[in-house]
C-alpha cells in the first residue's frame, strides 16, 4: 500500500509523456498533410545503373535537419534500396510504398552526418534534395557498404547536373 502513490504518479507521468509524443507526431504529420501523394516508381524500369542497400533515414526540409517530414510515411525509418536510373531515382522501402524522384525534380546530392534526427559518422548519409509539389525535401539514406555511398553520390550527382542543364 505504501508504494501505491508513487506507482500511480509514475504511471501518470508516463501516460502524459506518451500522449505528448503521440500528439507531437500527429501535429508534425498535419503540417505537411496538404502535400500531394508521392510519385511511385514507374513500371517496367530497366536494370538500374547503380543500386545500394541500406537504411532510409527519413526526410526533412533543406537546411533544417531536425525538422522531420512525417506525412506519406516519409518519417518512418526502414530498410531500403536506392536505385539510380537514367531518368530518375527509385527509393524502395520495406513496409512502405516506393518513391520516384524524377531526374528533373532533383536539386542536389551531398554527404552528411545527420538528417531527421539520425546522426552517424561524417559523410555516412547520402542526402538527396528534390522538389515535390513546390516543396523541397531532403531524403537521407545510409548505405550498408561505405563504397556504395560514393557510387550513389556520383550517379545521383550526374542526374542533378544533367537536370540543371535542362532547366
N, C-alpha and C. Protein backbone atom coordinates (compact mmCIF):
# COMPACT_ATOMS: atom_id res chain seq x y z
N UNK A 1 0.81 -1.20 0.00
CA UNK A 1 0.00 0.00 0.00
C UNK A 1 0.85 1.27 0.00
N UNK A 2 2.04 1.20 0.62
CA UNK A 2 2.86 2.40 0.70
C UNK A 2 3.45 2.77 -0.66
N UNK A 3 3.48 1.86 -1.63
CA UNK A 3 4.02 2.13 -2.96
C UNK A 3 2.95 2.55 -3.95
N UNK A 4 1.71 2.53 -3.54
CA UNK A 4 0.62 2.84 -4.46
C UNK A 4 0.72 4.27 -5.01
N UNK A 5 0.95 5.24 -4.16
CA UNK A 5 1.01 6.64 -4.61
C UNK A 5 2.19 6.86 -5.58
N UNK A 6 3.41 6.41 -5.26
CA UNK A 6 4.50 6.62 -6.22
C UNK A 6 4.26 5.90 -7.55
N UNK A 7 3.68 4.71 -7.51
CA UNK A 7 3.41 3.97 -8.74
C UNK A 7 2.37 4.70 -9.58
N UNK A 8 1.34 5.22 -8.95
CA UNK A 8 0.31 5.98 -9.68
C UNK A 8 0.89 7.26 -10.28
N UNK A 9 1.75 7.93 -9.53
CA UNK A 9 2.37 9.16 -10.04
C UNK A 9 3.26 8.83 -11.24
N UNK A 10 4.04 7.76 -11.13
CA UNK A 10 4.89 7.35 -12.24
C UNK A 10 4.06 6.97 -13.47
N UNK A 11 2.98 6.25 -13.26
CA UNK A 11 2.11 5.87 -14.37
C UNK A 11 1.51 7.12 -15.04
N UNK A 12 1.12 8.10 -14.23
CA UNK A 12 0.56 9.34 -14.78
C UNK A 12 1.61 10.10 -15.59
N UNK A 13 2.84 10.19 -15.06
CA UNK A 13 3.91 10.88 -15.78
C UNK A 13 4.19 10.18 -17.11
N UNK A 14 4.26 8.86 -17.11
CA UNK A 14 4.49 8.12 -18.35
C UNK A 14 3.35 8.31 -19.34
N UNK A 15 2.12 8.30 -18.86
CA UNK A 15 0.97 8.49 -19.75
C UNK A 15 1.01 9.88 -20.39
N UNK A 16 1.33 10.90 -19.62
CA UNK A 16 1.42 12.26 -20.16
C UNK A 16 2.57 12.35 -21.17
N UNK A 17 3.70 11.72 -20.88
CA UNK A 17 4.84 11.74 -21.81
C UNK A 17 4.47 11.06 -23.12
N UNK A 18 3.86 9.89 -23.06
CA UNK A 18 3.47 9.19 -24.28
C UNK A 18 2.42 9.98 -25.07
N UNK A 19 1.49 10.60 -24.37
CA UNK A 19 0.50 11.42 -25.06
C UNK A 19 1.18 12.59 -25.77
N UNK A 20 2.15 13.22 -25.11
CA UNK A 20 2.87 14.33 -25.72
C UNK A 20 3.63 13.90 -26.96
N UNK A 21 4.27 12.72 -26.93
CA UNK A 21 4.98 12.23 -28.11
C UNK A 21 4.02 11.93 -29.24
N UNK A 22 2.90 11.30 -28.94
CA UNK A 22 1.90 11.00 -29.97
C UNK A 22 1.35 12.29 -30.56
N UNK A 23 1.04 13.23 -29.72
CA UNK A 23 0.48 14.50 -30.17
C UNK A 23 1.47 15.25 -31.07
N UNK A 24 2.74 15.24 -30.69
CA UNK A 24 3.77 15.90 -31.49
C UNK A 24 3.90 15.28 -32.87
N UNK A 25 3.88 13.95 -32.93
CA UNK A 25 3.98 13.24 -34.22
C UNK A 25 2.76 13.56 -35.08
N UNK A 26 1.59 13.56 -34.47
CA UNK A 26 0.35 13.84 -35.18
C UNK A 26 0.35 15.27 -35.72
N UNK A 27 0.80 16.23 -34.90
CA UNK A 27 0.86 17.62 -35.33
C UNK A 27 1.85 17.79 -36.48
N UNK A 28 3.00 17.15 -36.37
CA UNK A 28 4.02 17.23 -37.43
C UNK A 28 3.46 16.66 -38.74
N UNK A 29 2.73 15.55 -38.67
CA UNK A 29 2.15 14.97 -39.88
C UNK A 29 1.12 15.91 -40.50
N UNK A 30 0.36 16.61 -39.68
CA UNK A 30 -0.65 17.52 -40.20
C UNK A 30 -0.05 18.78 -40.84
N UNK A 31 1.17 19.15 -40.46
CA UNK A 31 1.81 20.32 -41.05
C UNK A 31 2.08 20.12 -42.54
N UNK A 32 2.32 18.89 -42.94
CA UNK A 32 2.60 18.60 -44.35
C UNK A 32 1.52 17.72 -44.97
N UNK A 33 0.37 17.66 -44.35
CA UNK A 33 -0.70 16.80 -44.85
C UNK A 33 -1.23 17.26 -46.21
N UNK A 34 -1.07 18.53 -46.53
CA UNK A 34 -1.55 19.04 -47.81
C UNK A 34 -0.67 18.66 -48.99
N UNK A 35 0.47 18.05 -48.71
CA UNK A 35 1.38 17.66 -49.78
C UNK A 35 0.71 16.54 -50.59
N UNK A 36 0.73 16.65 -51.92
CA UNK A 36 0.09 15.60 -52.73
C UNK A 36 0.82 14.26 -52.57
N UNK A 37 0.18 13.18 -52.96
CA UNK A 37 0.81 11.86 -52.85
C UNK A 37 2.16 11.82 -53.56
N UNK A 38 3.04 11.00 -53.03
CA UNK A 38 4.38 10.87 -53.60
C UNK A 38 4.33 10.06 -54.88
N UNK A 39 5.14 10.43 -55.86
CA UNK A 39 5.19 9.63 -57.09
C UNK A 39 5.84 8.27 -56.81
N UNK A 40 5.32 7.24 -57.44
CA UNK A 40 5.87 5.89 -57.26
C UNK A 40 6.70 5.53 -58.49
N UNK A 41 7.64 4.60 -58.33
CA UNK A 41 8.46 4.21 -59.48
C UNK A 41 7.60 3.69 -60.63
N UNK A 42 7.89 4.10 -61.85
CA UNK A 42 7.09 3.63 -62.99
C UNK A 42 7.34 2.14 -63.23
N UNK A 43 6.33 1.45 -63.75
CA UNK A 43 6.52 0.02 -64.03
C UNK A 43 7.46 -0.18 -65.22
N UNK A 44 8.06 -1.34 -65.26
CA UNK A 44 8.89 -1.72 -66.40
C UNK A 44 10.23 -1.01 -66.49
N UNK A 45 10.79 -0.64 -65.37
CA UNK A 45 12.10 0.01 -65.40
C UNK A 45 13.17 -1.00 -65.80
N UNK A 46 14.19 -0.56 -66.53
CA UNK A 46 15.29 -1.46 -66.88
C UNK A 46 16.16 -1.70 -65.65
N UNK A 47 17.22 -2.42 -65.83
CA UNK A 47 18.16 -2.63 -64.73
C UNK A 47 18.76 -1.29 -64.33
N UNK A 48 18.89 -1.04 -63.02
CA UNK A 48 19.44 0.26 -62.58
C UNK A 48 20.92 0.38 -62.92
N UNK A 49 21.36 1.62 -63.16
CA UNK A 49 22.77 1.88 -63.40
C UNK A 49 23.57 1.69 -62.12
N UNK A 50 22.97 2.06 -60.99
CA UNK A 50 23.59 1.93 -59.67
C UNK A 50 22.50 1.60 -58.67
N UNK A 51 22.81 0.75 -57.72
CA UNK A 51 21.86 0.49 -56.64
C UNK A 51 22.64 0.24 -55.36
N UNK A 52 21.96 0.49 -54.23
CA UNK A 52 22.59 0.29 -52.93
C UNK A 52 21.53 -0.09 -51.91
N UNK A 53 21.87 -1.00 -51.04
CA UNK A 53 21.00 -1.37 -49.92
C UNK A 53 21.46 -0.61 -48.69
N UNK A 54 20.51 -0.36 -47.80
CA UNK A 54 20.87 0.32 -46.57
C UNK A 54 19.66 0.71 -45.75
N UNK A 55 19.76 1.85 -45.06
CA UNK A 55 18.71 2.34 -44.18
C UNK A 55 18.21 3.68 -44.69
N UNK A 56 16.90 3.77 -44.91
CA UNK A 56 16.28 5.06 -45.22
C UNK A 56 16.18 5.80 -43.89
N UNK A 57 16.82 6.95 -43.79
CA UNK A 57 16.91 7.67 -42.52
C UNK A 57 15.75 8.63 -42.28
N UNK A 58 15.08 9.06 -43.32
CA UNK A 58 13.96 9.98 -43.15
C UNK A 58 14.05 11.15 -44.09
N UNK A 59 13.14 12.09 -43.90
CA UNK A 59 13.06 13.27 -44.75
C UNK A 59 12.96 14.51 -43.88
N UNK A 60 13.53 15.60 -44.37
CA UNK A 60 13.48 16.87 -43.65
C UNK A 60 13.49 18.01 -44.67
N UNK A 61 13.22 19.19 -44.20
CA UNK A 61 13.33 20.36 -45.06
C UNK A 61 14.81 20.73 -45.20
N UNK A 62 15.24 21.15 -46.39
CA UNK A 62 16.64 21.52 -46.57
C UNK A 62 17.09 22.58 -45.57
N UNK A 63 18.24 22.35 -44.98
CA UNK A 63 18.78 23.29 -44.00
C UNK A 63 18.20 23.14 -42.61
N UNK A 64 17.25 22.23 -42.42
CA UNK A 64 16.61 22.04 -41.12
C UNK A 64 16.62 20.55 -40.79
N UNK A 65 17.78 20.02 -40.48
CA UNK A 65 17.96 18.58 -40.35
C UNK A 65 17.12 17.95 -39.24
N UNK A 66 16.62 18.72 -38.30
CA UNK A 66 15.77 18.16 -37.25
C UNK A 66 14.28 18.26 -37.56
N UNK A 67 13.91 18.96 -38.62
CA UNK A 67 12.51 19.16 -38.98
C UNK A 67 12.02 17.98 -39.82
N UNK A 68 11.78 16.86 -39.17
CA UNK A 68 11.38 15.63 -39.86
C UNK A 68 10.02 15.80 -40.53
N UNK A 69 9.92 15.35 -41.77
CA UNK A 69 8.67 15.31 -42.51
C UNK A 69 8.05 13.93 -42.27
N UNK A 70 6.82 13.90 -41.80
CA UNK A 70 6.21 12.60 -41.45
C UNK A 70 5.06 12.19 -42.34
N UNK A 71 4.55 13.09 -43.16
CA UNK A 71 3.40 12.73 -44.00
C UNK A 71 3.81 11.72 -45.06
N UNK A 72 2.84 10.96 -45.53
CA UNK A 72 3.04 9.94 -46.58
C UNK A 72 4.09 8.90 -46.20
N UNK A 73 4.28 8.66 -44.92
CA UNK A 73 5.22 7.64 -44.47
C UNK A 73 6.68 8.04 -44.57
N UNK A 74 6.97 9.30 -44.88
CA UNK A 74 8.35 9.73 -45.02
C UNK A 74 9.10 9.79 -43.70
N UNK A 75 8.38 9.80 -42.59
CA UNK A 75 9.04 9.93 -41.29
C UNK A 75 9.54 8.62 -40.71
N UNK A 76 9.12 7.50 -41.26
CA UNK A 76 9.47 6.20 -40.69
C UNK A 76 10.77 5.67 -41.30
N UNK A 77 11.73 5.38 -40.43
CA UNK A 77 12.97 4.75 -40.90
C UNK A 77 12.67 3.32 -41.32
N UNK A 78 13.41 2.85 -42.31
CA UNK A 78 13.18 1.48 -42.81
C UNK A 78 14.37 1.01 -43.61
N UNK A 79 14.51 -0.31 -43.71
CA UNK A 79 15.48 -0.86 -44.65
C UNK A 79 15.02 -0.45 -46.03
N UNK A 80 15.98 -0.16 -46.90
CA UNK A 80 15.60 0.34 -48.22
C UNK A 80 16.66 0.00 -49.26
N UNK A 81 16.26 0.14 -50.50
CA UNK A 81 17.16 0.03 -51.64
C UNK A 81 16.97 1.28 -52.48
N UNK A 82 18.07 1.91 -52.83
CA UNK A 82 18.04 3.07 -53.73
C UNK A 82 18.60 2.61 -55.06
N UNK A 83 17.84 2.89 -56.12
CA UNK A 83 18.24 2.52 -57.48
C UNK A 83 18.29 3.78 -58.34
N UNK A 84 19.40 3.95 -59.04
CA UNK A 84 19.58 5.13 -59.91
C UNK A 84 19.42 4.68 -61.35
N UNK A 85 18.52 5.35 -62.07
CA UNK A 85 18.25 5.07 -63.47
C UNK A 85 18.62 6.29 -64.30
N UNK A 86 18.54 6.18 -65.60
CA UNK A 86 18.87 7.30 -66.48
C UNK A 86 17.91 8.47 -66.32
N UNK A 87 16.68 8.20 -65.89
CA UNK A 87 15.69 9.27 -65.78
C UNK A 87 15.16 9.51 -64.37
N UNK A 88 15.85 8.97 -63.37
CA UNK A 88 15.41 9.24 -62.00
C UNK A 88 15.98 8.26 -60.99
N UNK A 89 15.50 8.40 -59.77
CA UNK A 89 15.96 7.58 -58.65
C UNK A 89 14.74 6.94 -58.00
N UNK A 90 14.84 5.63 -57.76
CA UNK A 90 13.77 4.91 -57.07
C UNK A 90 14.22 4.59 -55.66
N UNK A 91 13.38 4.93 -54.69
CA UNK A 91 13.62 4.58 -53.30
C UNK A 91 12.58 3.53 -52.92
N UNK A 92 13.04 2.33 -52.65
CA UNK A 92 12.13 1.22 -52.31
C UNK A 92 12.34 0.88 -50.84
N UNK A 93 11.33 1.19 -50.00
CA UNK A 93 11.43 0.98 -48.56
C UNK A 93 10.62 -0.24 -48.13
N UNK A 94 11.14 -0.98 -47.17
CA UNK A 94 10.39 -2.09 -46.60
C UNK A 94 9.17 -1.54 -45.85
N UNK A 95 8.02 -2.10 -46.13
CA UNK A 95 6.80 -1.72 -45.42
C UNK A 95 6.18 -0.41 -45.85
N UNK A 96 6.64 0.16 -46.94
CA UNK A 96 6.08 1.43 -47.42
C UNK A 96 6.15 1.45 -48.94
N UNK A 97 5.34 2.31 -49.51
CA UNK A 97 5.34 2.44 -50.97
C UNK A 97 6.66 3.03 -51.44
N UNK A 98 7.07 2.65 -52.65
CA UNK A 98 8.27 3.20 -53.24
C UNK A 98 8.07 4.66 -53.61
N UNK A 99 9.17 5.39 -53.72
CA UNK A 99 9.13 6.81 -54.09
C UNK A 99 10.00 7.00 -55.33
N UNK A 100 9.47 7.73 -56.30
CA UNK A 100 10.20 8.02 -57.53
C UNK A 100 10.63 9.47 -57.53
N UNK A 101 11.92 9.70 -57.66
CA UNK A 101 12.47 11.04 -57.75
C UNK A 101 12.88 11.25 -59.21
N UNK A 102 12.02 11.86 -59.97
CA UNK A 102 12.32 12.09 -61.39
C UNK A 102 13.56 12.98 -61.52
N UNK A 103 14.34 12.74 -62.54
CA UNK A 103 15.59 13.48 -62.72
C UNK A 103 15.37 14.99 -62.72
N UNK A 104 14.28 15.45 -63.30
CA UNK A 104 14.01 16.88 -63.35
C UNK A 104 13.68 17.50 -62.00
N UNK A 105 13.31 16.68 -61.03
CA UNK A 105 12.97 17.20 -59.71
C UNK A 105 14.17 17.21 -58.76
N UNK A 106 15.28 16.62 -59.18
CA UNK A 106 16.48 16.55 -58.32
C UNK A 106 17.16 17.91 -58.27
N UNK A 107 17.54 18.34 -57.09
CA UNK A 107 18.18 19.63 -56.92
C UNK A 107 19.64 19.52 -56.49
N UNK A 108 19.96 18.54 -55.63
CA UNK A 108 21.34 18.42 -55.13
C UNK A 108 21.51 17.05 -54.49
N UNK A 109 22.78 16.67 -54.32
CA UNK A 109 23.12 15.47 -53.57
C UNK A 109 24.38 15.80 -52.78
N UNK A 110 24.45 15.31 -51.57
CA UNK A 110 25.61 15.57 -50.73
C UNK A 110 25.78 14.46 -49.70
N UNK A 111 26.93 14.43 -49.09
CA UNK A 111 27.19 13.52 -47.98
C UNK A 111 27.05 14.34 -46.71
N UNK A 112 26.42 13.77 -45.72
CA UNK A 112 26.21 14.49 -44.47
C UNK A 112 26.31 13.52 -43.31
N UNK A 113 26.20 14.04 -42.11
CA UNK A 113 26.27 13.17 -40.93
C UNK A 113 24.95 13.12 -40.16
N UNK A 114 23.99 13.98 -40.51
CA UNK A 114 22.75 14.00 -39.74
C UNK A 114 21.57 14.43 -40.62
N UNK A 115 20.42 13.81 -40.38
CA UNK A 115 19.18 14.19 -41.05
C UNK A 115 18.02 13.58 -40.30
N UNK A 116 16.98 14.36 -40.11
CA UNK A 116 15.74 13.90 -39.49
C UNK A 116 15.99 13.19 -38.16
N UNK A 117 16.93 13.72 -37.39
CA UNK A 117 17.21 13.16 -36.08
C UNK A 117 18.16 11.98 -36.09
N UNK A 118 18.57 11.50 -37.24
CA UNK A 118 19.51 10.38 -37.35
C UNK A 118 20.91 10.96 -37.50
N UNK A 119 21.81 10.59 -36.59
CA UNK A 119 23.18 11.08 -36.62
C UNK A 119 24.12 9.89 -36.76
N UNK A 120 25.03 9.97 -37.73
CA UNK A 120 26.01 8.91 -37.99
C UNK A 120 27.39 9.56 -38.13
N UNK A 121 28.37 8.78 -38.54
CA UNK A 121 29.71 9.34 -38.74
C UNK A 121 29.69 10.34 -39.90
N UNK A 122 30.73 11.18 -39.94
CA UNK A 122 30.84 12.18 -41.00
C UNK A 122 30.74 11.53 -42.37
N UNK A 123 29.86 12.04 -43.21
CA UNK A 123 29.70 11.53 -44.57
C UNK A 123 28.99 10.20 -44.66
N UNK A 124 28.38 9.74 -43.58
CA UNK A 124 27.72 8.44 -43.57
C UNK A 124 26.36 8.41 -44.25
N UNK A 125 25.76 9.57 -44.44
CA UNK A 125 24.46 9.65 -45.10
C UNK A 125 24.61 10.26 -46.49
N UNK A 126 23.88 9.70 -47.44
CA UNK A 126 23.75 10.32 -48.76
C UNK A 126 22.40 11.04 -48.72
N UNK A 127 22.44 12.35 -48.88
CA UNK A 127 21.22 13.17 -48.79
C UNK A 127 20.90 13.72 -50.17
N UNK A 128 19.71 13.41 -50.65
CA UNK A 128 19.24 13.87 -51.95
C UNK A 128 18.19 14.95 -51.74
N UNK A 129 18.41 16.12 -52.30
CA UNK A 129 17.43 17.20 -52.24
C UNK A 129 16.63 17.16 -53.54
N UNK A 130 15.30 17.14 -53.39
CA UNK A 130 14.44 17.10 -54.56
C UNK A 130 13.20 17.94 -54.30
N UNK A 131 12.54 18.29 -55.37
CA UNK A 131 11.35 19.14 -55.31
C UNK A 131 10.11 18.31 -55.59
N UNK A 132 9.15 18.40 -54.68
CA UNK A 132 7.88 17.70 -54.86
C UNK A 132 6.75 18.69 -54.57
N UNK A 133 5.98 18.99 -55.59
CA UNK A 133 4.84 19.89 -55.45
C UNK A 133 5.26 21.22 -54.82
N UNK A 134 6.27 21.85 -55.37
CA UNK A 134 6.77 23.15 -54.91
C UNK A 134 7.34 23.12 -53.50
N UNK A 135 7.64 21.96 -52.98
CA UNK A 135 8.26 21.82 -51.67
C UNK A 135 9.58 21.08 -51.85
N UNK A 136 10.65 21.67 -51.37
CA UNK A 136 11.92 20.97 -51.43
C UNK A 136 12.09 20.11 -50.19
N UNK A 137 12.57 18.90 -50.41
CA UNK A 137 12.76 17.93 -49.33
C UNK A 137 14.15 17.32 -49.43
N UNK A 138 14.73 17.00 -48.29
CA UNK A 138 15.95 16.22 -48.22
C UNK A 138 15.58 14.81 -47.81
N UNK A 139 16.02 13.81 -48.57
CA UNK A 139 15.83 12.41 -48.21
C UNK A 139 17.20 11.84 -47.86
N UNK A 140 17.28 11.18 -46.71
CA UNK A 140 18.55 10.63 -46.27
C UNK A 140 18.59 9.12 -46.38
N UNK A 141 19.73 8.61 -46.82
CA UNK A 141 19.92 7.18 -47.00
C UNK A 141 21.32 6.82 -46.51
N UNK A 142 21.41 5.80 -45.69
CA UNK A 142 22.70 5.32 -45.21
C UNK A 142 22.98 3.95 -45.81
N UNK A 143 23.87 3.88 -46.80
CA UNK A 143 24.18 2.59 -47.43
C UNK A 143 24.85 1.64 -46.43
N UNK A 144 24.59 0.36 -46.61
CA UNK A 144 25.21 -0.65 -45.76
C UNK A 144 26.72 -0.67 -45.97
N UNK A 145 27.14 -0.58 -47.23
CA UNK A 145 28.57 -0.59 -47.56
C UNK A 145 29.03 0.83 -47.87
N UNK A 146 30.15 1.24 -47.29
CA UNK A 146 30.66 2.59 -47.50
C UNK A 146 30.97 2.87 -48.97
N UNK A 147 31.44 1.87 -49.70
CA UNK A 147 31.75 2.07 -51.13
C UNK A 147 30.50 2.45 -51.93
N UNK A 148 29.36 1.94 -51.51
CA UNK A 148 28.12 2.25 -52.22
C UNK A 148 27.76 3.73 -52.11
N UNK A 149 28.15 4.37 -51.02
CA UNK A 149 27.83 5.79 -50.83
C UNK A 149 28.52 6.63 -51.91
N UNK A 150 29.77 6.31 -52.19
CA UNK A 150 30.49 7.05 -53.24
C UNK A 150 29.83 6.87 -54.60
N UNK A 151 29.51 5.62 -54.94
CA UNK A 151 28.88 5.34 -56.23
C UNK A 151 27.51 6.01 -56.33
N UNK A 152 26.76 5.96 -55.26
CA UNK A 152 25.42 6.56 -55.24
C UNK A 152 25.50 8.08 -55.39
N UNK A 153 26.40 8.70 -54.65
CA UNK A 153 26.55 10.14 -54.74
C UNK A 153 26.98 10.56 -56.15
N UNK A 154 27.87 9.81 -56.74
CA UNK A 154 28.34 10.11 -58.09
C UNK A 154 27.22 9.96 -59.12
N UNK A 155 26.47 8.87 -59.05
CA UNK A 155 25.39 8.62 -60.02
C UNK A 155 24.27 9.65 -59.90
N UNK A 156 23.85 9.96 -58.67
CA UNK A 156 22.79 10.96 -58.48
C UNK A 156 23.31 12.34 -58.86
N UNK A 157 24.58 12.61 -58.56
CA UNK A 157 25.18 13.90 -58.93
C UNK A 157 25.15 14.12 -60.43
N UNK A 158 25.38 13.06 -61.20
CA UNK A 158 25.31 13.18 -62.67
C UNK A 158 23.90 13.54 -63.12
N UNK A 159 22.88 12.94 -62.48
CA UNK A 159 21.49 13.28 -62.81
C UNK A 159 21.17 14.72 -62.44
N UNK A 160 21.67 15.17 -61.30
CA UNK A 160 21.44 16.55 -60.85
C UNK A 160 22.04 17.53 -61.85
N UNK A 161 23.27 17.27 -62.28
CA UNK A 161 23.92 18.15 -63.25
C UNK A 161 23.16 18.18 -64.57
N UNK A 162 22.74 17.00 -65.04
CA UNK A 162 22.00 16.95 -66.30
C UNK A 162 20.68 17.71 -66.19
N UNK A 163 19.98 17.55 -65.05
CA UNK A 163 18.71 18.24 -64.85
C UNK A 163 18.92 19.75 -64.77
N UNK A 164 20.02 20.18 -64.16
CA UNK A 164 20.29 21.62 -64.06
C UNK A 164 20.54 22.23 -65.44
N UNK A 165 21.20 21.49 -66.31
CA UNK A 165 21.45 21.99 -67.67
C UNK A 165 20.17 22.03 -68.50
N UNK A 166 19.23 21.16 -68.21
CA UNK A 166 17.98 21.12 -68.98
C UNK A 166 16.98 22.17 -68.51
N UNK A 167 17.17 22.71 -67.32
CA UNK A 167 16.24 23.73 -66.82
C UNK A 167 16.45 25.06 -67.48
